[in-house]
Amino acid sequence: MPYYVYRVLPFAQLEKLAEFGAFVQASAHAKVLRAAEKAAPQGKVKVMFAENEQAAEDLLCQIRDPGPSGDD
């Protein structure tokens, strides 16, 4: 399965930036993009592992429950 790099904008707008076969390459590309936008970020750059683009976009749009806080 490939790794997708997306820019996530407000109101669940997604922009596919790249696709890679390995996490190392996808992560490095995402870090370069984040560093280039550090002064004025235009949404969040995220890496998603999924079967296809549609599955990646579906995962990015899901609302996640916050993790535990403190000593639970």
PDB file of N, CA and C in Angstrom:
ATOM      1  N   MET A   1       0.846  -1.183   0.000  1.00  0.00           N
ATOM      2  CA  MET A   1       0.000   0.000   0.000  1.00  0.00           C
ATOM      3  C   MET A   1       0.887   1.241   0.000  1.00  0.00           C
ATOM      4  N   PRO A   2       0.452   2.269  -0.708  1.00  0.00           N
ATOM      5  CA  PRO A   2       1.257   3.491  -0.784  1.00  0.00           C
ATOM      6  C   PRO A   2       1.003   4.454   0.378  1.00  0.00           C
ATOM      7  N   TYR A   3       1.914   5.388   0.499  1.00  0.00           N
ATOM      8  CA  TYR A   3       1.807   6.480   1.466  1.00  0.00           C
ATOM      9  C   TYR A   3       1.473   7.743   0.685  1.00  0.00           C
ATOM     10  N   TYR A   4       0.473   8.471   1.150  1.00  0.00           N
ATOM     11  CA  TYR A   4       0.041   9.694   0.487  1.00  0.00           C
ATOM     12  C   TYR A   4       0.394  10.892   1.364  1.00  0.00           C
ATOM     13  N   VAL A   5       0.801  11.972   0.727  1.00  0.00           N
ATOM     14  CA  VAL A   5       1.076  13.220   1.434  1.00  0.00           C
ATOM     15  C   VAL A   5      -0.015  14.203   1.020  1.00  0.00           C
ATOM     16  N   TYR A   6      -0.736  14.718   2.010  1.00  0.00           N
ATOM     17  CA  TYR A   6      -1.845  15.640   1.759  1.00  0.00           C
ATOM     18  C   TYR A   6      -1.644  16.936   2.528  1.00  0.00           C
ATOM     19  N   ARG A   7      -2.221  17.993   1.988  1.00  0.00           N
ATOM     20  CA  ARG A   7      -2.373  19.243   2.732  1.00  0.00           C
ATOM     21  C   ARG A   7      -3.836  19.281   3.155  1.00  0.00           C
ATOM     22  N   VAL A   8      -4.072  19.420   4.455  1.00  0.00           N
ATOM     23  CA  VAL A   8      -5.419  19.462   5.005  1.00  0.00           C
ATOM     24  C   VAL A   8      -5.738  20.912   5.352  1.00  0.00           C
ATOM     25  N   LEU A   9      -6.741  21.446   4.684  1.00  0.00           N
ATOM     26  CA  LEU A   9      -7.162  22.832   4.866  1.00  0.00           C
ATOM     27  C   LEU A   9      -8.462  22.869   5.662  1.00  0.00           C
ATOM     28  N   PRO A  10      -8.869  24.037   6.138  1.00  0.00           N
ATOM     29  CA  PRO A  10     -10.130  24.135   6.885  1.00  0.00           C
ATOM     30  C   PRO A  10     -11.316  23.607   6.077  1.00  0.00           C
ATOM     31  N   PHE A  11     -12.328  23.160   6.790  1.00  0.00           N
ATOM     32  CA  PHE A  11     -13.566  22.635   6.212  1.00  0.00           C
ATOM     33  C   PHE A  11     -13.316  21.376   5.391  1.00  0.00           C
ATOM     34  N   ALA A  12     -12.368  20.547   5.840  1.00  0.00           N
ATOM     35  CA  ALA A  12     -12.058  19.247   5.242  1.00  0.00           C
ATOM     36  C   ALA A  12     -11.697  19.336   3.762  1.00  0.00           C
ATOM     37  N   GLN A  13     -11.044  20.398   3.368  1.00  0.00           N
ATOM     38  CA  GLN A  13     -10.536  20.499   2.006  1.00  0.00           C
ATOM     39  C   GLN A  13      -9.189  19.778   1.971  1.00  0.00           C
ATOM     40  N   LEU A  14      -9.044  18.857   1.038  1.00  0.00           N
ATOM     41  CA  LEU A  14      -7.831  18.055   0.942  1.00  0.00           C
ATOM     42  C   LEU A  14      -7.150  18.296  -0.396  1.00  0.00           C
ATOM     43  N   GLU A  15      -5.837  18.419  -0.344  1.00  0.00           N
ATOM     44  CA  GLU A  15      -5.036  18.610  -1.558  1.00  0.00           C
ATOM     45  C   GLU A  15      -3.934  17.551  -1.556  1.00  0.00           C
ATOM     46  N   LYS A  16      -4.001  16.627  -2.515  1.00  0.00           N
ATOM     47  CA  LYS A  16      -2.972  15.595  -2.605  1.00  0.00           C
ATOM     48  C   LYS A  16      -1.698  16.226  -3.146  1.00  0.00           C
ATOM     49  N   LEU A  17      -0.598  16.025  -2.419  1.00  0.00           N
ATOM     50  CA  LEU A  17       0.674  16.617  -2.807  1.00  0.00           C
ATOM     51  C   LEU A  17       1.621  15.602  -3.435  1.00  0.00           C
ATOM     52  N   ALA A  18       1.586  14.349  -2.959  1.00  0.00           N
ATOM     53  CA  ALA A  18       2.511  13.343  -3.483  1.00  0.00           C
ATOM     54  C   ALA A  18       2.069  11.951  -3.046  1.00  0.00           C
ATOM     55  N   GLU A  19       2.694  10.947  -3.663  1.00  0.00           N
ATOM     56  CA  GLU A  19       2.445   9.541  -3.339  1.00  0.00           C
ATOM     57  C   GLU A  19       3.783   8.809  -3.369  1.00  0.00           C
ATOM     58  N   PHE A  20       4.023   7.973  -2.352  1.00  0.00           N
ATOM     59  CA  PHE A  20       5.289   7.263  -2.228  1.00  0.00           C
ATOM     60  C   PHE A  20       5.041   5.810  -1.881  1.00  0.00           C
ATOM     61  N   GLY A  21       6.001   4.957  -2.210  1.00  0.00           N
ATOM     62  CA  GLY A  21       5.903   3.544  -1.890  1.00  0.00           C
ATOM     63  C   GLY A  21       6.469   3.192  -0.529  1.00  0.00           C
ATOM     64  N   ALA A  22       7.229   4.103   0.073  1.00  0.00           N
ATOM     65  CA  ALA A  22       7.857   3.840   1.373  1.00  0.00           C
ATOM     66  C   ALA A  22       7.639   5.020   2.314  1.00  0.00           C
ATOM     67  N   PHE A  23       7.509   4.706   3.604  1.00  0.00           N
ATOM     68  CA  PHE A  23       7.260   5.742   4.601  1.00  0.00           C
ATOM     69  C   PHE A  23       8.412   6.731   4.703  1.00  0.00           C
ATOM     70  N   VAL A  24       9.642   6.243   4.605  1.00  0.00           N
ATOM     71  CA  VAL A  24      10.808   7.118   4.764  1.00  0.00           C
ATOM     72  C   VAL A  24      10.764   8.271   3.759  1.00  0.00           C
ATOM     73  N   GLN A  25      10.451   7.962   2.517  1.00  0.00           N
ATOM     74  CA  GLN A  25      10.377   9.000   1.476  1.00  0.00           C
ATOM     75  C   GLN A  25       9.211   9.944   1.720  1.00  0.00           C
ATOM     76  N   ALA A  26       8.049   9.399   2.084  1.00  0.00           N
ATOM     77  CA  ALA A  26       6.871  10.224   2.332  1.00  0.00           C
ATOM     78  C   ALA A  26       7.103  11.155   3.517  1.00  0.00           C
ATOM     79  N   SER A  27       7.686  10.637   4.580  1.00  0.00           N
ATOM     80  CA  SER A  27       7.960  11.433   5.763  1.00  0.00           C
ATOM     81  C   SER A  27       8.956  12.550   5.462  1.00  0.00           C
ATOM     82  N   ALA A  28      10.011  12.230   4.727  1.00  0.00           N
ATOM     83  CA  ALA A  28      11.019  13.240   4.374  1.00  0.00           C
ATOM     84  C   ALA A  28      10.403  14.347   3.531  1.00  0.00           C
ATOM     85  N   HIS A  29       9.542  13.976   2.586  1.00  0.00           N
ATOM     86  CA  HIS A  29       8.887  14.973   1.734  1.00  0.00           C
ATOM     87  C   HIS A  29       7.975  15.879   2.575  1.00  0.00           C
ATOM     88  N   ALA A  30       7.215  15.285   3.484  1.00  0.00           N
ATOM     89  CA  ALA A  30       6.324  16.060   4.348  1.00  0.00           C
ATOM     90  C   ALA A  30       7.120  17.027   5.222  1.00  0.00           C
ATOM     91  N   LYS A  31       8.251  16.587   5.748  1.00  0.00           N
ATOM     92  CA  LYS A  31       9.079  17.455   6.596  1.00  0.00           C
ATOM     93  C   LYS A  31       9.637  18.630   5.805  1.00  0.00           C
ATOM     94  N   VAL A  32      10.027  18.388   4.557  1.00  0.00           N
ATOM     95  CA  VAL A  32      10.525  19.482   3.704  1.00  0.00           C
ATOM     96  C   VAL A  32       9.411  20.498   3.456  1.00  0.00           C
ATOM     97  N   LEU A  33       8.209  20.014   3.166  1.00  0.00           N
ATOM     98  CA  LEU A  33       7.078  20.919   2.923  1.00  0.00           C
ATOM     99  C   LEU A  33       6.741  21.732   4.176  1.00  0.00           C
ATOM    100  N   ARG A  34       6.741  21.082   5.332  1.00  0.00           N
ATOM    101  CA  ARG A  34       6.434  21.789   6.587  1.00  0.00           C
ATOM    102  C   ARG A  34       7.481  22.854   6.891  1.00  0.00           C
ATOM    103  N   ALA A  35       8.744  22.538   6.651  1.00  0.00           N
ATOM    104  CA  ALA A  35       9.821  23.495   6.908  1.00  0.00           C
ATOM    105  C   ALA A  35       9.720  24.692   5.970  1.00  0.00           C
ATOM    106  N   ALA A  36       9.337  24.460   4.725  1.00  0.00           N
ATOM    107  CA  ALA A  36       9.214  25.540   3.754  1.00  0.00           C
ATOM    108  C   ALA A  36       8.069  26.485   4.102  1.00  0.00           C
ATOM    109  N   GLU A  37       7.043  25.974   4.780  1.00  0.00           N
ATOM    110  CA  GLU A  37       5.870  26.789   5.124  1.00  0.00           C
ATOM    111  C   GLU A  37       5.875  27.252   6.575  1.00  0.00           C
ATOM    112  N   LYS A  38       6.951  27.072   7.279  1.00  0.00           N
ATOM    113  CA  LYS A  38       6.970  27.338   8.714  1.00  0.00           C
ATOM    114  C   LYS A  38       6.518  28.762   9.060  1.00  0.00           C
ATOM    115  N   ALA A  39       6.920  29.744   8.281  1.00  0.00           N
ATOM    116  CA  ALA A  39       6.571  31.134   8.574  1.00  0.00           C
ATOM    117  C   ALA A  39       5.079  31.404   8.364  1.00  0.00           C
ATOM    118  N   ALA A  40       4.496  30.828   7.321  1.00  0.00           N
ATOM    119  CA  ALA A  40       3.085  31.053   7.017  1.00  0.00           C
ATOM    120  C   ALA A  40       2.441  29.742   6.585  1.00  0.00           C
ATOM    121  N   PRO A  41       2.089  28.871   7.538  1.00  0.00           N
ATOM    122  CA  PRO A  41       1.516  27.577   7.163  1.00  0.00           C
ATOM    123  C   PRO A  41       0.178  27.725   6.444  1.00  0.00           C
ATOM    124  N   GLN A  42      -0.006  26.893   5.447  1.00  0.00           N
ATOM    125  CA  GLN A  42      -1.256  26.880   4.673  1.00  0.00           C
ATOM    126  C   GLN A  42      -1.956  25.556   4.924  1.00  0.00           C
ATOM    127  N   GLY A  43      -2.408  25.328   6.117  1.00  0.00           N
ATOM    128  CA  GLY A  43      -3.015  24.062   6.491  1.00  0.00           C
ATOM    129  C   GLY A  43      -1.971  23.120   7.044  1.00  0.00           C
ATOM    130  N   LYS A  44      -2.385  21.902   7.346  1.00  0.00           N
ATOM    131  CA  LYS A  44      -1.479  20.898   7.907  1.00  0.00           C
ATOM    132  C   LYS A  44      -1.048  19.938   6.813  1.00  0.00           C
ATOM    133  N   VAL A  45       0.215  19.551   6.819  1.00  0.00           N
ATOM    134  CA  VAL A  45       0.727  18.546   5.894  1.00  0.00           C
ATOM    135  C   VAL A  45       0.733  17.225   6.649  1.00  0.00           C
ATOM    136  N   LYS A  46       0.034  16.215   6.089  1.00  0.00           N
ATOM    137  CA  LYS A  46      -0.080  14.927   6.763  1.00  0.00           C
ATOM    138  C   LYS A  46       0.284  13.794   5.822  1.00  0.00           C
ATOM    139  N   VAL A  47       0.831  12.726   6.393  1.00  0.00           N
ATOM    140  CA  VAL A  47       1.148  11.502   5.659  1.00  0.00           C
ATOM    141  C   VAL A  47       0.097  10.466   6.041  1.00  0.00           C
ATOM    142  N   MET A  48      -0.475   9.807   5.036  1.00  0.00           N
ATOM    143  CA  MET A  48      -1.521   8.814   5.279  1.00  0.00           C
ATOM    144  C   MET A  48      -1.192   7.522   4.539  1.00  0.00           C
ATOM    145  N   PHE A  49      -1.292   6.394   5.237  1.00  0.00           N
ATOM    146  CA  PHE A  49      -1.058   5.072   4.677  1.00  0.00           C
ATOM    147  C   PHE A  49      -2.416   4.453   4.371  1.00  0.00           C
ATOM    148  N   ALA A  50      -2.695   4.152   3.085  1.00  0.00           N
ATOM    149  CA  ALA A  50      -4.001   3.608   2.718  1.00  0.00           C
ATOM    150  C   ALA A  50      -3.906   2.835   1.411  1.00  0.00           C
ATOM    151  N   GLU A  51      -4.948   2.053   1.136  1.00  0.00           N
ATOM    152  CA  GLU A  51      -4.991   1.254  -0.093  1.00  0.00           C
ATOM    153  C   GLU A  51      -5.029   2.111  -1.343  1.00  0.00           C
ATOM    154  N   ASN A  52      -5.779   3.228  -1.278  1.00  0.00           N
ATOM    155  CA  ASN A  52      -5.912   4.100  -2.445  1.00  0.00           C
ATOM    156  C   ASN A  52      -6.220   5.523  -1.973  1.00  0.00           C
ATOM    157  N   GLU A  53      -6.318   6.444  -2.938  1.00  0.00           N
ATOM    158  CA  GLU A  53      -6.559   7.851  -2.588  1.00  0.00           C
ATOM    159  C   GLU A  53      -7.873   8.043  -1.854  1.00  0.00           C
ATOM    160  N   GLN A  54      -8.912   7.345  -2.309  1.00  0.00           N
ATOM    161  CA  GLN A  54     -10.224   7.496  -1.685  1.00  0.00           C
ATOM    162  C   GLN A  54     -10.184   7.067  -0.213  1.00  0.00           C
ATOM    163  N   ALA A  55      -9.515   5.959   0.071  1.00  0.00           N
ATOM    164  CA  ALA A  55      -9.405   5.492   1.457  1.00  0.00           C
ATOM    165  C   ALA A  55      -8.585   6.472   2.293  1.00  0.00           C
ATOM    166  N   ALA A  56      -7.529   7.033   1.712  1.00  0.00           N
ATOM    167  CA  ALA A  56      -6.707   8.012   2.434  1.00  0.00           C
ATOM    168  C   ALA A  56      -7.521   9.251   2.780  1.00  0.00           C
ATOM    169  N   GLU A  57      -8.302   9.734   1.822  1.00  0.00           N
ATOM    170  CA  GLU A  57      -9.126  10.920   2.064  1.00  0.00           C
ATOM    171  C   GLU A  57     -10.205  10.636   3.098  1.00  0.00           C
ATOM    172  N   ASP A  58     -10.765   9.436   3.062  1.00  0.00           N
ATOM    173  CA  ASP A  58     -11.769   9.063   4.054  1.00  0.00           C
ATOM    174  C   ASP A  58     -11.158   9.067   5.458  1.00  0.00           C
ATOM    175  N   LEU A  59      -9.971   8.499   5.600  1.00  0.00           N
ATOM    176  CA  LEU A  59      -9.296   8.479   6.900  1.00  0.00           C
ATOM    177  C   LEU A  59      -8.960   9.886   7.395  1.00  0.00           C
ATOM    178  N   LEU A  60      -8.554  10.767   6.480  1.00  0.00           N
ATOM    179  CA  LEU A  60      -8.213  12.137   6.874  1.00  0.00           C
ATOM    180  C   LEU A  60      -9.436  12.929   7.329  1.00  0.00           C
ATOM    181  N   CYS A  61     -10.616  12.566   6.845  1.00  0.00           N
ATOM    182  CA  CYS A  61     -11.837  13.302   7.203  1.00  0.00           C
ATOM    183  C   CYS A  61     -12.516  12.772   8.465  1.00  0.00           C
ATOM    184  N   GLN A  62     -12.055  11.637   8.973  1.00  0.00           N
ATOM    185  CA  GLN A  62     -12.664  11.080  10.175  1.00  0.00           C
ATOM    186  C   GLN A  62     -12.261  11.886  11.399  1.00  0.00           C
ATOM    187  N   ILE A  63     -13.216  12.055  12.308  1.00  0.00           N
ATOM    188  CA  ILE A  63     -12.957  12.763  13.558  1.00  0.00           C
ATOM    189  C   ILE A  63     -12.402  11.754  14.549  1.00  0.00           C
ATOM    190  N   ARG A  64     -11.247  12.059  15.110  1.00  0.00           N
ATOM    191  CA  ARG A  64     -10.599  11.136  16.049  1.00  0.00           C
ATOM    192  C   ARG A  64     -10.865  11.574  17.476  1.00  0.00           C
ATOM    193  N   ASP A  65     -11.034  10.582  18.347  1.00  0.00           N
ATOM    194  CA  ASP A  65     -11.198  10.853  19.769  1.00  0.00           C
ATOM    195  C   ASP A  65      -9.851  11.257  20.357  1.00  0.00           C
ATOM    196  N   PRO A  66      -9.843  12.220  21.269  1.00  0.00           N
ATOM    197  CA  PRO A  66      -8.567  12.604  21.880  1.00  0.00           C
ATOM    198  C   PRO A  66      -8.018  11.463  22.730  1.00  0.00           C
ATOM    199  N   GLY A  67      -6.710  11.391  22.800  1.00  0.00           N
ATOM    200  CA  GLY A  67      -6.061  10.365  23.609  1.00  0.00           C
ATOM    201  C   GLY A  67      -6.206  10.665  25.091  1.00  0.00           C
ATOM    202  N   PRO A  68      -5.791   9.743  25.935  1.00  0.00           N
ATOM    203  CA  PRO A  68      -5.902   9.954  27.377  1.00  0.00           C
ATOM    204  C   PRO A  68      -4.998  11.100  27.828  1.00  0.00           C
ATOM    205  N   SER A  69      -5.461  11.811  28.828  1.00  0.00           N
ATOM    206  CA  SER A  69      -4.663  12.916  29.364  1.00  0.00           C
ATOM    207  C   SER A  69      -4.362  12.636  30.830  1.00  0.00           C
ATOM    208  N   GLY A  70      -3.148  12.903  31.191  1.00  0.00           N
ATOM    209  CA  GLY A  70      -2.771  12.724  32.591  1.00  0.00           C
ATOM    210  C   GLY A  70      -2.576  11.277  32.970  1.00  0.00           C
ATOM    211  N   ASP A  71      -2.844  10.950  34.228  1.00  0.00           N
ATOM    212  CA  ASP A  71      -2.621   9.602  34.760  1.00  0.00           C
ATOM    213  C   ASP A  71      -3.926   8.833  34.799  1.00  0.00           C
ATOM    214  N   ASP A  72      -4.402   8.406  33.643  1.00  0.00           N
ATOM    215  CA  ASP A  72      -5.640   7.621  33.593  1.00  0.00           C
ATOM    216  C   ASP A  72      -5.370   6.162  33.745  1.00  0.00           C
TER     217      ASP A  72
END
